[in-house]
Amino acid sequence: MTLGTFAWLLRQTFLSTLDDGCFGYAKAAAYSAMLSFFPVLTSAATILVQTRAEFVASTLERFLNQIVPPAPKTSSSSSSASWGSAPPPS
């Protein structure tokens, strides 16, 4: 296969993909997959809390640590406040 034939074939493939709307189907599939991730995760967490399965919970945590980015670092003044406490008087 020559370089010219490969370029023509690549161009024809790209144009056919656009004409058939394959990018739209791929976008819809990716969007559906992202929307289904949160309910699956919350269901799994609920089951783990109910059964107290420490091994499964630690495995799930290690898996998610590879996928989900770390939380942003907070300043020391905001981390010292306790939840539900009233703000300091001004």
C-alpha atoms as a PDB file:
ATOM      1  CA  MET A   1       0.000   0.000   0.000  1.00  0.00           C
ATOM      2  CA  THR A   2       1.470   3.319  -1.012  1.00  0.00           C
ATOM      3  CA  LEU A   3       1.301   6.510   1.016  1.00  0.00           C
ATOM      4  CA  GLY A   4      -1.130   8.059  -1.457  1.00  0.00           C
ATOM      5  CA  THR A   5      -3.474   5.077  -1.255  1.00  0.00           C
ATOM      6  CA  PHE A   6      -3.328   5.159   2.530  1.00  0.00           C
ATOM      7  CA  ALA A   7      -4.120   8.890   2.610  1.00  0.00           C
ATOM      8  CA  TRP A   8      -7.070   8.409   0.225  1.00  0.00           C
ATOM      9  CA  LEU A   9      -8.365   5.492   2.290  1.00  0.00           C
ATOM     10  CA  LEU A  10      -8.028   7.466   5.523  1.00  0.00           C
ATOM     11  CA  ARG A  11      -9.878  10.434   3.978  1.00  0.00           C
ATOM     12  CA  GLN A  12     -12.691   8.209   2.684  1.00  0.00           C
ATOM     13  CA  THR A  13     -13.005   6.536   6.072  1.00  0.00           C
ATOM     14  CA  PHE A  14     -13.224   9.873   7.866  1.00  0.00           C
ATOM     15  CA  LEU A  15     -15.834  11.239   5.429  1.00  0.00           C
ATOM     16  CA  SER A  16     -17.929   8.069   5.679  1.00  0.00           C
ATOM     17  CA  THR A  17     -17.758   8.259   9.457  1.00  0.00           C
ATOM     18  CA  LEU A  18     -19.067  11.830   9.351  1.00  0.00           C
ATOM     19  CA  ASP A  19     -21.821  10.958   6.857  1.00  0.00           C
ATOM     20  CA  ASP A  20     -23.042   8.017   8.933  1.00  0.00           C
ATOM     21  CA  GLY A  21     -23.098  10.030  12.165  1.00  0.00           C
ATOM     22  CA  CYS A  22     -20.751   7.696  14.031  1.00  0.00           C
ATOM     23  CA  PHE A  23     -19.312  10.536  16.112  1.00  0.00           C
ATOM     24  CA  GLY A  24     -22.790  11.361  17.379  1.00  0.00           C
ATOM     25  CA  TYR A  25     -23.357   7.749  18.417  1.00  0.00           C
ATOM     26  CA  ALA A  26     -19.966   7.664  20.152  1.00  0.00           C
ATOM     27  CA  LYS A  27     -20.761  10.903  21.973  1.00  0.00           C
ATOM     28  CA  ALA A  28     -24.122   9.531  23.136  1.00  0.00           C
ATOM     29  CA  ALA A  29     -22.549   6.277  24.329  1.00  0.00           C
ATOM     30  CA  ALA A  30     -19.835   8.127  26.272  1.00  0.00           C
ATOM     31  CA  TYR A  31     -22.411  10.447  27.859  1.00  0.00           C
ATOM     32  CA  SER A  32     -24.592   7.494  28.899  1.00  0.00           C
ATOM     33  CA  ALA A  33     -21.591   5.716  30.384  1.00  0.00           C
ATOM     34  CA  MET A  34     -20.675   8.776  32.433  1.00  0.00           C
ATOM     35  CA  LEU A  35     -24.234   9.167  33.694  1.00  0.00           C
ATOM     36  CA  SER A  36     -24.402   5.513  34.721  1.00  0.00           C
ATOM     37  CA  PHE A  37     -21.145   5.670  36.706  1.00  0.00           C
ATOM     38  CA  PHE A  38     -22.513   7.687  39.652  1.00  0.00           C
ATOM     39  CA  PRO A  39     -25.580   5.484  40.403  1.00  0.00           C
ATOM     40  CA  VAL A  40     -23.437   2.339  40.223  1.00  0.00           C
ATOM     41  CA  LEU A  41     -20.904   3.876  42.578  1.00  0.00           C
ATOM     42  CA  THR A  42     -23.532   4.993  45.096  1.00  0.00           C
ATOM     43  CA  SER A  43     -25.252   1.597  44.985  1.00  0.00           C
ATOM     44  CA  ALA A  44     -21.959  -0.183  45.585  1.00  0.00           C
ATOM     45  CA  ALA A  45     -21.130   2.147  48.468  1.00  0.00           C
ATOM     46  CA  THR A  46     -24.532   1.539  50.063  1.00  0.00           C
ATOM     47  CA  ILE A  47     -24.129  -2.224  49.831  1.00  0.00           C
ATOM     48  CA  LEU A  48     -20.616  -2.010  51.296  1.00  0.00           C
ATOM     49  CA  VAL A  49     -21.830   0.106  54.213  1.00  0.00           C
ATOM     50  CA  GLN A  50     -24.682  -2.307  54.925  1.00  0.00           C
ATOM     51  CA  THR A  51     -22.476  -5.417  54.806  1.00  0.00           C
ATOM     52  CA  ARG A  52     -19.370  -3.786  56.311  1.00  0.00           C
ATOM     53  CA  ALA A  53     -17.194  -5.481  53.699  1.00  0.00           C
ATOM     54  CA  GLU A  54     -13.791  -3.939  54.491  1.00  0.00           C
ATOM     55  CA  PHE A  55     -11.898  -5.935  51.871  1.00  0.00           C
ATOM     56  CA  VAL A  56     -14.239  -4.947  49.067  1.00  0.00           C
ATOM     57  CA  ALA A  57     -14.271  -1.332  50.239  1.00  0.00           C
ATOM     58  CA  SER A  58     -10.469  -1.101  50.254  1.00  0.00           C
ATOM     59  CA  THR A  59     -10.310  -2.690  46.795  1.00  0.00           C
ATOM     60  CA  LEU A  60     -12.855  -0.197  45.469  1.00  0.00           C
ATOM     61  CA  GLU A  61     -10.926   2.670  47.077  1.00  0.00           C
ATOM     62  CA  ARG A  62      -7.658   1.609  45.437  1.00  0.00           C
ATOM     63  CA  PHE A  63      -9.423   1.328  42.075  1.00  0.00           C
ATOM     64  CA  LEU A  64     -11.005   4.779  42.365  1.00  0.00           C
ATOM     65  CA  ASN A  65      -7.719   6.354  43.469  1.00  0.00           C
ATOM     66  CA  GLN A  66      -6.306   5.378  40.075  1.00  0.00           C
ATOM     67  CA  ILE A  67      -9.206   7.000  38.174  1.00  0.00           C
ATOM     68  CA  VAL A  68     -10.428   9.984  40.198  1.00  0.00           C
ATOM     69  CA  PRO A  69      -8.052  12.944  40.580  1.00  0.00           C
ATOM     70  CA  PRO A  70      -6.992  13.858  44.118  1.00  0.00           C
ATOM     71  CA  ALA A  71      -8.926  16.469  46.064  1.00  0.00           C
ATOM     72  CA  PRO A  72      -7.521  19.982  46.018  1.00  0.00           C
ATOM     73  CA  LYS A  73      -5.502  21.013  49.041  1.00  0.00           C
ATOM     74  CA  THR A  74      -7.275  23.370  51.418  1.00  0.00           C
ATOM     75  CA  SER A  75      -5.769  26.054  53.604  1.00  0.00           C
ATOM     76  CA  SER A  76      -5.073  25.263  57.246  1.00  0.00           C
ATOM     77  CA  SER A  77      -7.568  27.857  58.490  1.00  0.00           C
ATOM     78  CA  SER A  78     -10.519  26.239  56.734  1.00  0.00           C
ATOM     79  CA  SER A  79      -9.614  22.705  57.802  1.00  0.00           C
ATOM     80  CA  SER A  80      -9.502  23.625  61.502  1.00  0.00           C
ATOM     81  CA  ALA A  81     -13.179  24.654  61.573  1.00  0.00           C
ATOM     82  CA  SER A  82     -15.579  21.936  62.624  1.00  0.00           C
ATOM     83  CA  TRP A  83     -18.686  21.092  60.621  1.00  0.00           C
ATOM     84  CA  GLY A  84     -21.851  22.678  61.909  1.00  0.00           C
ATOM     85  CA  SER A  85     -20.142  25.229  64.105  1.00  0.00           C
ATOM     86  CA  ALA A  86     -21.139  28.857  64.031  1.00  0.00           C
ATOM     87  CA  PRO A  87     -18.794  31.309  62.337  1.00  0.00           C
ATOM     88  CA  PRO A  88     -16.587  33.375  64.652  1.00  0.00           C
ATOM     89  CA  PRO A  89     -18.037  36.736  65.708  1.00  0.00           C
ATOM     90  CA  SER A  90     -16.882  39.709  63.696  1.00  0.00           C
END
